[in-house]
Amino acid sequence: MGIAPNLIGSFLLPFGACWFFQRIFKLQTQHELAITCYFGLLLVIVNEYLQLIPLFGRTFDYLDILSSVAGVFLGHFVFARMMRNSLERVFE
């Protein structure tokens, strides 16, 4: 259960980005979604590596990165499917 926060948080990344940035840009294409997920994953990995600095009092764990990758992948998959379904309904 230690990986659950990373997995769930990373899974919600595309949904949160869509909600947070909806005034700036819209996730309308698969390419835009992929860029958003890659950028979010990069931030998660940088955050994990910053935990190597003892000043922060946190611990680094490769399993956190692995669960974040899995979460972003699953979030991307689910969000992309939802995007396709909404586009199909628009063009029916």
PDB file of N, CA and C in Angstrom:
ATOM      1  N   MET A   1       0.810  -1.207   0.000  1.00  0.00           N
ATOM      2  CA  MET A   1       0.000   0.000   0.000  1.00  0.00           C
ATOM      3  C   MET A   1       0.847   1.264   0.000  1.00  0.00           C
ATOM      4  N   GLY A   2       2.166   1.135   0.173  1.00  0.00           N
ATOM      5  CA  GLY A   2       3.023   2.303   0.176  1.00  0.00           C
ATOM      6  C   GLY A   2       3.105   3.002  -1.169  1.00  0.00           C
ATOM      7  N   ILE A   3       2.831   2.257  -2.246  1.00  0.00           N
ATOM      8  CA  ILE A   3       2.902   2.861  -3.580  1.00  0.00           C
ATOM      9  C   ILE A   3       1.581   3.487  -3.995  1.00  0.00           C
ATOM     10  N   ALA A   4       0.521   3.244  -3.254  1.00  0.00           N
ATOM     11  CA  ALA A   4      -0.816   3.717  -3.639  1.00  0.00           C
ATOM     12  C   ALA A   4      -0.872   5.233  -3.857  1.00  0.00           C
ATOM     13  N   PRO A   5      -0.303   6.059  -2.985  1.00  0.00           N
ATOM     14  CA  PRO A   5      -0.388   7.510  -3.244  1.00  0.00           C
ATOM     15  C   PRO A   5       0.263   7.915  -4.569  1.00  0.00           C
ATOM     16  N   ASN A   6       1.405   7.319  -4.894  1.00  0.00           N
ATOM     17  CA  ASN A   6       2.073   7.640  -6.157  1.00  0.00           C
ATOM     18  C   ASN A   6       1.266   7.142  -7.341  1.00  0.00           C
ATOM     19  N   LEU A   7       0.757   5.931  -7.249  1.00  0.00           N
ATOM     20  CA  LEU A   7      -0.010   5.349  -8.340  1.00  0.00           C
ATOM     21  C   LEU A   7      -1.294   6.139  -8.584  1.00  0.00           C
ATOM     22  N   ILE A   8      -2.027   6.427  -7.535  1.00  0.00           N
ATOM     23  CA  ILE A   8      -3.298   7.149  -7.670  1.00  0.00           C
ATOM     24  C   ILE A   8      -3.050   8.591  -8.112  1.00  0.00           C
ATOM     25  N   GLY A   9      -2.077   9.249  -7.504  1.00  0.00           N
ATOM     26  CA  GLY A   9      -1.770  10.627  -7.882  1.00  0.00           C
ATOM     27  C   GLY A   9      -1.341  10.743  -9.332  1.00  0.00           C
ATOM     28  N   SER A  10      -0.522   9.822  -9.789  1.00  0.00           N
ATOM     29  CA  SER A  10      -0.067   9.852 -11.179  1.00  0.00           C
ATOM     30  C   SER A  10      -1.182   9.479 -12.137  1.00  0.00           C
ATOM     31  N   PHE A  11      -2.068   8.579 -11.719  1.00  0.00           N
ATOM     32  CA  PHE A  11      -3.217   8.218 -12.550  1.00  0.00           C
ATOM     33  C   PHE A  11      -4.097   9.442 -12.798  1.00  0.00           C
ATOM     34  N   LEU A  12      -4.249  10.274 -11.794  1.00  0.00           N
ATOM     35  CA  LEU A  12      -5.116  11.450 -11.895  1.00  0.00           C
ATOM     36  C   LEU A  12      -4.449  12.625 -12.607  1.00  0.00           C
ATOM     37  N   LEU A  13      -3.176  12.491 -12.954  1.00  0.00           N
ATOM     38  CA  LEU A  13      -2.434  13.579 -13.585  1.00  0.00           C
ATOM     39  C   LEU A  13      -3.111  14.153 -14.833  1.00  0.00           C
ATOM     40  N   PRO A  14      -3.495  13.352 -15.840  1.00  0.00           N
ATOM     41  CA  PRO A  14      -4.121  13.956 -17.020  1.00  0.00           C
ATOM     42  C   PRO A  14      -5.457  14.622 -16.710  1.00  0.00           C
ATOM     43  N   PHE A  15      -6.213  14.058 -15.775  1.00  0.00           N
ATOM     44  CA  PHE A  15      -7.505  14.639 -15.411  1.00  0.00           C
ATOM     45  C   PHE A  15      -7.309  15.979 -14.705  1.00  0.00           C
ATOM     46  N   GLY A  16      -6.359  16.023 -13.785  1.00  0.00           N
ATOM     47  CA  GLY A  16      -6.060  17.267 -13.080  1.00  0.00           C
ATOM     48  C   GLY A  16      -5.504  18.333 -14.010  1.00  0.00           C
ATOM     49  N   ALA A  17      -4.637  17.920 -14.931  1.00  0.00           N
ATOM     50  CA  ALA A  17      -4.075  18.879 -15.884  1.00  0.00           C
ATOM     51  C   ALA A  17      -5.168  19.440 -16.770  1.00  0.00           C
ATOM     52  N   CYS A  18      -6.085  18.609 -17.192  1.00  0.00           N
ATOM     53  CA  CYS A  18      -7.190  19.071 -18.032  1.00  0.00           C
ATOM     54  C   CYS A  18      -8.035  20.084 -17.270  1.00  0.00           C
ATOM     55  N   TRP A  19      -8.347  19.788 -16.030  1.00  0.00           N
ATOM     56  CA  TRP A  19      -9.164  20.693 -15.223  1.00  0.00           C
ATOM     57  C   TRP A  19      -8.408  21.989 -14.929  1.00  0.00           C
ATOM     58  N   PHE A  20      -7.146  21.878 -14.524  1.00  0.00           N
ATOM     59  CA  PHE A  20      -6.370  23.034 -14.104  1.00  0.00           C
ATOM     60  C   PHE A  20      -6.046  23.972 -15.260  1.00  0.00           C
ATOM     61  N   PHE A  21      -5.717  23.399 -16.415  1.00  0.00           N
ATOM     62  CA  PHE A  21      -5.286  24.207 -17.553  1.00  0.00           C
ATOM     63  C   PHE A  21      -6.377  24.464 -18.581  1.00  0.00           C
ATOM     64  N   GLN A  22      -7.618  24.162 -18.272  1.00  0.00           N
ATOM     65  CA  GLN A  22      -8.671  24.255 -19.281  1.00  0.00           C
ATOM     66  C   GLN A  22      -8.857  25.669 -19.821  1.00  0.00           C
ATOM     67  N   ARG A  23      -8.481  26.674 -19.070  1.00  0.00           N
ATOM     68  CA  ARG A  23      -8.590  28.049 -19.572  1.00  0.00           C
ATOM     69  C   ARG A  23      -7.426  28.412 -20.489  1.00  0.00           C
ATOM     70  N   ILE A  24      -6.288  27.743 -20.312  1.00  0.00           N
ATOM     71  CA  ILE A  24      -5.100  28.051 -21.106  1.00  0.00           C
ATOM     72  C   ILE A  24      -5.092  27.238 -22.395  1.00  0.00           C
ATOM     73  N   PHE A  25      -5.314  25.932 -22.290  1.00  0.00           N
ATOM     74  CA  PHE A  25      -5.361  25.086 -23.467  1.00  0.00           C
ATOM     75  C   PHE A  25      -6.306  23.926 -23.219  1.00  0.00           C
ATOM     76  N   LYS A  26      -6.746  23.319 -24.278  1.00  0.00           N
ATOM     77  CA  LYS A  26      -7.649  22.171 -24.185  1.00  0.00           C
ATOM     78  C   LYS A  26      -6.903  20.929 -24.645  1.00  0.00           C
ATOM     79  N   LEU A  27      -7.066  19.856 -23.913  1.00  0.00           N
ATOM     80  CA  LEU A  27      -6.498  18.581 -24.355  1.00  0.00           C
ATOM     81  C   LEU A  27      -7.440  18.002 -25.400  1.00  0.00           C
ATOM     82  N   GLN A  28      -7.171  18.303 -26.658  1.00  0.00           N
ATOM     83  CA  GLN A  28      -8.068  17.871 -27.717  1.00  0.00           C
ATOM     84  C   GLN A  28      -7.468  16.795 -28.604  1.00  0.00           C
ATOM     85  N   THR A  29      -6.152  16.631 -28.563  1.00  0.00           N
ATOM     86  CA  THR A  29      -5.515  15.624 -29.411  1.00  0.00           C
ATOM     87  C   THR A  29      -4.703  14.666 -28.553  1.00  0.00           C
ATOM     88  N   GLN A  30      -4.414  13.528 -29.127  1.00  0.00           N
ATOM     89  CA  GLN A  30      -3.592  12.537 -28.429  1.00  0.00           C
ATOM     90  C   GLN A  30      -2.185  13.094 -28.180  1.00  0.00           C
ATOM     91  N   HIS A  31      -1.697  13.898 -29.118  1.00  0.00           N
ATOM     92  CA  HIS A  31      -0.368  14.486 -28.984  1.00  0.00           C
ATOM     93  C   HIS A  31      -0.313  15.439 -27.776  1.00  0.00           C
ATOM     94  N   GLU A  32      -1.323  16.276 -27.622  1.00  0.00           N
ATOM     95  CA  GLU A  32      -1.371  17.194 -26.479  1.00  0.00           C
ATOM     96  C   GLU A  32      -1.455  16.423 -25.168  1.00  0.00           C
ATOM     97  N   LEU A  33      -2.223  15.343 -25.161  1.00  0.00           N
ATOM     98  CA  LEU A  33      -2.334  14.508 -23.964  1.00  0.00           C
ATOM     99  C   LEU A  33      -0.995  13.872 -23.634  1.00  0.00           C
ATOM    100  N   ALA A  34      -0.303  13.359 -24.652  1.00  0.00           N
ATOM    101  CA  ALA A  34       0.999  12.724 -24.420  1.00  0.00           C
ATOM    102  C   ALA A  34       2.001  13.724 -23.865  1.00  0.00           C
ATOM    103  N   ILE A  35       2.039  14.930 -24.410  1.00  0.00           N
ATOM    104  CA  ILE A  35       2.970  15.950 -23.914  1.00  0.00           C
ATOM    105  C   ILE A  35       2.664  16.284 -22.461  1.00  0.00           C
ATOM    106  N   THR A  36       1.389  16.424 -22.136  1.00  0.00           N
ATOM    107  CA  THR A  36       0.990  16.726 -20.759  1.00  0.00           C
ATOM    108  C   THR A  36       1.431  15.614 -19.812  1.00  0.00           C
ATOM    109  N   CYS A  37       1.218  14.368 -20.215  1.00  0.00           N
ATOM    110  CA  CYS A  37       1.600  13.237 -19.358  1.00  0.00           C
ATOM    111  C   CYS A  37       3.117  13.125 -19.224  1.00  0.00           C
ATOM    112  N   TYR A  38       3.848  13.327 -20.323  1.00  0.00           N
ATOM    113  CA  TYR A  38       5.313  13.278 -20.247  1.00  0.00           C
ATOM    114  C   TYR A  38       5.852  14.365 -19.326  1.00  0.00           C
ATOM    115  N   PHE A  39       5.308  15.568 -19.446  1.00  0.00           N
ATOM    116  CA  PHE A  39       5.755  16.668 -18.600  1.00  0.00           C
ATOM    117  C   PHE A  39       5.443  16.380 -17.129  1.00  0.00           C
ATOM    118  N   GLY A  40       4.249  15.882 -16.861  1.00  0.00           N
ATOM    119  CA  GLY A  40       3.878  15.532 -15.488  1.00  0.00           C
ATOM    120  C   GLY A  40       4.759  14.443 -14.920  1.00  0.00           C
ATOM    121  N   LEU A  41       5.062  13.441 -15.736  1.00  0.00           N
ATOM    122  CA  LEU A  41       5.935  12.359 -15.292  1.00  0.00           C
ATOM    123  C   LEU A  41       7.341  12.888 -15.018  1.00  0.00           C
ATOM    124  N   LEU A  42       7.811  13.794 -15.856  1.00  0.00           N
ATOM    125  CA  LEU A  42       9.117  14.402 -15.634  1.00  0.00           C
ATOM    126  C   LEU A  42       9.147  15.130 -14.286  1.00  0.00           C
ATOM    127  N   LEU A  43       8.080  15.863 -13.976  1.00  0.00           N
ATOM    128  CA  LEU A  43       8.011  16.559 -12.691  1.00  0.00           C
ATOM    129  C   LEU A  43       8.015  15.587 -11.520  1.00  0.00           C
ATOM    130  N   VAL A  44       7.312  14.475 -11.657  1.00  0.00           N
ATOM    131  CA  VAL A  44       7.273  13.461 -10.596  1.00  0.00           C
ATOM    132  C   VAL A  44       8.665  12.871 -10.375  1.00  0.00           C
ATOM    133  N   ILE A  45       9.369  12.590 -11.465  1.00  0.00           N
ATOM    134  CA  ILE A  45      10.713  12.004 -11.352  1.00  0.00           C
ATOM    135  C   ILE A  45      11.691  13.011 -10.746  1.00  0.00           C
ATOM    136  N   VAL A  46      11.623  14.258 -11.176  1.00  0.00           N
ATOM    137  CA  VAL A  46      12.493  15.294 -10.591  1.00  0.00           C
ATOM    138  C   VAL A  46      12.200  15.431  -9.101  1.00  0.00           C
ATOM    139  N   ASN A  47      10.937  15.422  -8.730  1.00  0.00           N
ATOM    140  CA  ASN A  47      10.562  15.505  -7.323  1.00  0.00           C
ATOM    141  C   ASN A  47      11.157  14.345  -6.528  1.00  0.00           C
ATOM    142  N   GLU A  48      11.103  13.162  -7.096  1.00  0.00           N
ATOM    143  CA  GLU A  48      11.652  11.994  -6.393  1.00  0.00           C
ATOM    144  C   GLU A  48      13.162  12.121  -6.231  1.00  0.00           C
ATOM    145  N   TYR A  49      13.857  12.572  -7.253  1.00  0.00           N
ATOM    146  CA  TYR A  49      15.309  12.722  -7.145  1.00  0.00           C
ATOM    147  C   TYR A  49      15.695  13.855  -6.191  1.00  0.00           C
ATOM    148  N   LEU A  50      14.865  14.870  -6.072  1.00  0.00           N
ATOM    149  CA  LEU A  50      15.146  15.930  -5.099  1.00  0.00           C
ATOM    150  C   LEU A  50      15.110  15.395  -3.666  1.00  0.00           C
ATOM    151  N   GLN A  51      14.439  14.277  -3.473  1.00  0.00           N
ATOM    152  CA  GLN A  51      14.366  13.684  -2.138  1.00  0.00           C
ATOM    153  C   GLN A  51      15.697  13.075  -1.714  1.00  0.00           C
ATOM    154  N   LEU A  52      16.640  12.970  -2.641  1.00  0.00           N
ATOM    155  CA  LEU A  52      17.979  12.497  -2.287  1.00  0.00           C
ATOM    156  C   LEU A  52      18.745  13.544  -1.475  1.00  0.00           C
ATOM    157  N   ILE A  53      18.325  14.791  -1.550  1.00  0.00           N
ATOM    158  CA  ILE A  53      18.981  15.859  -0.794  1.00  0.00           C
ATOM    159  C   ILE A  53      18.540  15.743   0.664  1.00  0.00           C
ATOM    160  N   PRO A  54      19.487  15.500   1.570  1.00  0.00           N
ATOM    161  CA  PRO A  54      19.110  15.253   2.974  1.00  0.00           C
ATOM    162  C   PRO A  54      18.417  16.429   3.652  1.00  0.00           C
ATOM    163  N   LEU A  55      18.570  17.609   3.118  1.00  0.00           N
ATOM    164  CA  LEU A  55      17.972  18.801   3.714  1.00  0.00           C
ATOM    165  C   LEU A  55      16.452  18.684   3.820  1.00  0.00           C
ATOM    166  N   PHE A  56      15.815  18.005   2.866  1.00  0.00           N
ATOM    167  CA  PHE A  56      14.361  17.907   2.842  1.00  0.00           C
ATOM    168  C   PHE A  56      13.810  16.871   3.819  1.00  0.00           C
ATOM    169  N   GLY A  57      14.647  15.959   4.299  1.00  0.00           N
ATOM    170  CA  GLY A  57      14.204  14.966   5.263  1.00  0.00           C
ATOM    171  C   GLY A  57      13.255  13.930   4.686  1.00  0.00           C
ATOM    172  N   ARG A  58      13.344  13.700   3.389  1.00  0.00           N
ATOM    173  CA  ARG A  58      12.476  12.709   2.733  1.00  0.00           C
ATOM    174  C   ARG A  58      13.346  11.583   2.212  1.00  0.00           C
ATOM    175  N   THR A  59      12.731  10.508   1.795  1.00  0.00           N
ATOM    176  CA  THR A  59      13.490   9.362   1.315  1.00  0.00           C
ATOM    177  C   THR A  59      13.202   9.106  -0.157  1.00  0.00           C
ATOM    178  N   PHE A  60      14.235   8.731  -0.877  1.00  0.00           N
ATOM    179  CA  PHE A  60      14.150   8.394  -2.289  1.00  0.00           C
ATOM    180  C   PHE A  60      13.790   6.918  -2.424  1.00  0.00           C
ATOM    181  N   ASP A  61      12.950   6.595  -3.396  1.00  0.00           N
ATOM    182  CA  ASP A  61      12.574   5.203  -3.612  1.00  0.00           C
ATOM    183  C   ASP A  61      12.275   4.979  -5.092  1.00  0.00           C
ATOM    184  N   TYR A  62      12.973   4.005  -5.687  1.00  0.00           N
ATOM    185  CA  TYR A  62      12.729   3.677  -7.096  1.00  0.00           C
ATOM    186  C   TYR A  62      11.316   3.156  -7.312  1.00  0.00           C
ATOM    187  N   LEU A  63      10.750   2.512  -6.311  1.00  0.00           N
ATOM    188  CA  LEU A  63       9.389   2.000  -6.457  1.00  0.00           C
ATOM    189  C   LEU A  63       8.375   3.139  -6.593  1.00  0.00           C
ATOM    190  N   ASP A  64       8.672   4.295  -5.998  1.00  0.00           N
ATOM    191  CA  ASP A  64       7.805   5.461  -6.183  1.00  0.00           C
ATOM    192  C   ASP A  64       7.802   5.899  -7.639  1.00  0.00           C
ATOM    193  N   ILE A  65       8.982   5.904  -8.253  1.00  0.00           N
ATOM    194  CA  ILE A  65       9.071   6.269  -9.671  1.00  0.00           C
ATOM    195  C   ILE A  65       8.350   5.240 -10.520  1.00  0.00           C
ATOM    196  N   LEU A  66       8.550   3.967 -10.219  1.00  0.00           N
ATOM    197  CA  LEU A  66       7.889   2.903 -10.978  1.00  0.00           C
ATOM    198  C   LEU A  66       6.374   2.995 -10.863  1.00  0.00           C
ATOM    199  N   SER A  67       5.866   3.251  -9.677  1.00  0.00           N
ATOM    200  CA  SER A  67       4.418   3.357  -9.512  1.00  0.00           C
ATOM    201  C   SER A  67       3.891   4.629 -10.180  1.00  0.00           C
ATOM    202  N   SER A  68       4.684   5.679 -10.205  1.00  0.00           N
ATOM    203  CA  SER A  68       4.273   6.894 -10.913  1.00  0.00           C
ATOM    204  C   SER A  68       4.200   6.656 -12.413  1.00  0.00           C
ATOM    205  N   VAL A  69       5.162   5.936 -12.959  1.00  0.00           N
ATOM    206  CA  VAL A  69       5.138   5.592 -14.386  1.00  0.00           C
ATOM    207  C   VAL A  69       3.888   4.768 -14.697  1.00  0.00           C
ATOM    208  N   ALA A  70       3.600   3.782 -13.856  1.00  0.00           N
ATOM    209  CA  ALA A  70       2.405   2.949 -14.062  1.00  0.00           C
ATOM    210  C   ALA A  70       1.136   3.795 -13.963  1.00  0.00           C
ATOM    211  N   GLY A  71       1.094   4.693 -12.999  1.00  0.00           N
ATOM    212  CA  GLY A  71      -0.080   5.542 -12.833  1.00  0.00           C
ATOM    213  C   GLY A  71      -0.293   6.481 -14.007  1.00  0.00           C
ATOM    214  N   VAL A  72       0.782   7.099 -14.504  1.00  0.00           N
ATOM    215  CA  VAL A  72       0.660   7.992 -15.660  1.00  0.00           C
ATOM    216  C   VAL A  72       0.238   7.194 -16.888  1.00  0.00           C
ATOM    217  N   PHE A  73       0.808   6.009 -17.069  1.00  0.00           N
ATOM    218  CA  PHE A  73       0.430   5.181 -18.205  1.00  0.00           C
ATOM    219  C   PHE A  73      -1.057   4.825 -18.157  1.00  0.00           C
ATOM    220  N   LEU A  74      -1.538   4.395 -17.003  1.00  0.00           N
ATOM    221  CA  LEU A  74      -2.953   4.044 -16.868  1.00  0.00           C
ATOM    222  C   LEU A  74      -3.848   5.268 -17.031  1.00  0.00           C
ATOM    223  N   GLY A  75      -3.444   6.385 -16.444  1.00  0.00           N
ATOM    224  CA  GLY A  75      -4.217   7.618 -16.587  1.00  0.00           C
ATOM    225  C   GLY A  75      -4.287   8.072 -18.035  1.00  0.00           C
ATOM    226  N   HIS A  76      -3.172   7.982 -18.738  1.00  0.00           N
ATOM    227  CA  HIS A  76      -3.139   8.330 -20.157  1.00  0.00           C
ATOM    228  C   HIS A  76      -4.070   7.422 -20.948  1.00  0.00           C
ATOM    229  N   PHE A  77      -4.011   6.134 -20.671  1.00  0.00           N
ATOM    230  CA  PHE A  77      -4.849   5.165 -21.383  1.00  0.00           C
ATOM    231  C   PHE A  77      -6.335   5.451 -21.174  1.00  0.00           C
ATOM    232  N   VAL A  78      -6.735   5.652 -19.928  1.00  0.00           N
ATOM    233  CA  VAL A  78      -8.148   5.906 -19.610  1.00  0.00           C
ATOM    234  C   VAL A  78      -8.597   7.248 -20.188  1.00  0.00           C
ATOM    235  N   PHE A  79      -7.799   8.289 -20.018  1.00  0.00           N
ATOM    236  CA  PHE A  79      -8.178   9.604 -20.512  1.00  0.00           C
ATOM    237  C   PHE A  79      -8.244   9.617 -22.038  1.00  0.00           C
ATOM    238  N   ALA A  80      -7.313   8.944 -22.699  1.00  0.00           N
ATOM    239  CA  ALA A  80      -7.331   8.878 -24.167  1.00  0.00           C
ATOM    240  C   ALA A  80      -8.594   8.158 -24.653  1.00  0.00           C
ATOM    241  N   ARG A  81      -8.972   7.105 -23.961  1.00  0.00           N
ATOM    242  CA  ARG A  81     -10.199   6.390 -24.333  1.00  0.00           C
ATOM    243  C   ARG A  81     -11.420   7.288 -24.149  1.00  0.00           C
ATOM    244  N   MET A  82     -11.440   8.050 -23.064  1.00  0.00           N
ATOM    245  CA  MET A  82     -12.553   8.972 -22.840  1.00  0.00           C
ATOM    246  C   MET A  82     -12.584  10.058 -23.918  1.00  0.00           C
ATOM    247  N   MET A  83     -11.412  10.532 -24.342  1.00  0.00           N
ATOM    248  CA  MET A  83     -11.345  11.527 -25.414  1.00  0.00           C
ATOM    249  C   MET A  83     -11.911  10.959 -26.705  1.00  0.00           C
ATOM    250  N   ARG A  84     -11.522   9.723 -27.040  1.00  0.00           N
ATOM    251  CA  ARG A  84     -12.029   9.082 -28.272  1.00  0.00           C
ATOM    252  C   ARG A  84     -13.528   8.911 -28.204  1.00  0.00           C
ATOM    253  N   ASN A  85     -14.040   8.460 -27.071  1.00  0.00           N
ATOM    254  CA  ASN A  85     -15.482   8.255 -26.937  1.00  0.00           C
ATOM    255  C   ASN A  85     -16.245   9.556 -27.056  1.00  0.00           C
ATOM    256  N   SER A  86     -15.717  10.638 -26.486  1.00  0.00           N
ATOM    257  CA  SER A  86     -16.426  11.910 -26.583  1.00  0.00           C
ATOM    258  C   SER A  86     -16.392  12.445 -28.021  1.00  0.00           C
ATOM    259  N   LEU A  87     -15.303  12.224 -28.724  1.00  0.00           N
ATOM    260  CA  LEU A  87     -15.232  12.652 -30.128  1.00  0.00           C
ATOM    261  C   LEU A  87     -16.182  11.828 -31.000  1.00  0.00           C
ATOM    262  N   GLU A  88     -16.286  10.552 -30.707  1.00  0.00           N
ATOM    263  CA  GLU A  88     -17.189   9.710 -31.485  1.00  0.00           C
ATOM    264  C   GLU A  88     -18.633  10.155 -31.295  1.00  0.00           C
ATOM    265  N   ARG A  89     -18.983  10.563 -30.070  1.00  0.00           N
ATOM    266  CA  ARG A  89     -20.355  11.038 -29.805  1.00  0.00           C
ATOM    267  C   ARG A  89     -20.617  12.351 -30.532  1.00  0.00           C
ATOM    268  N   VAL A  90     -19.601  13.199 -30.646  1.00  0.00           N
ATOM    269  CA  VAL A  90     -19.759  14.481 -31.315  1.00  0.00           C
ATOM    270  C   VAL A  90     -20.029  14.277 -32.811  1.00  0.00           C
ATOM    271  N   PHE A  91     -19.358  13.301 -33.403  1.00  0.00           N
ATOM    272  CA  PHE A  91     -19.461  13.099 -34.842  1.00  0.00           C
ATOM    273  C   PHE A  91     -20.528  12.081 -35.236  1.00  0.00           C
ATOM    274  N   GLU A  92     -21.359  11.662 -34.296  1.00  0.00           N
ATOM    275  CA  GLU A  92     -22.441  10.716 -34.638  1.00  0.00           C
ATOM    276  C   GLU A  92     -23.597  11.416 -35.287  1.00  0.00           C
TER     277      GLU A  92
END
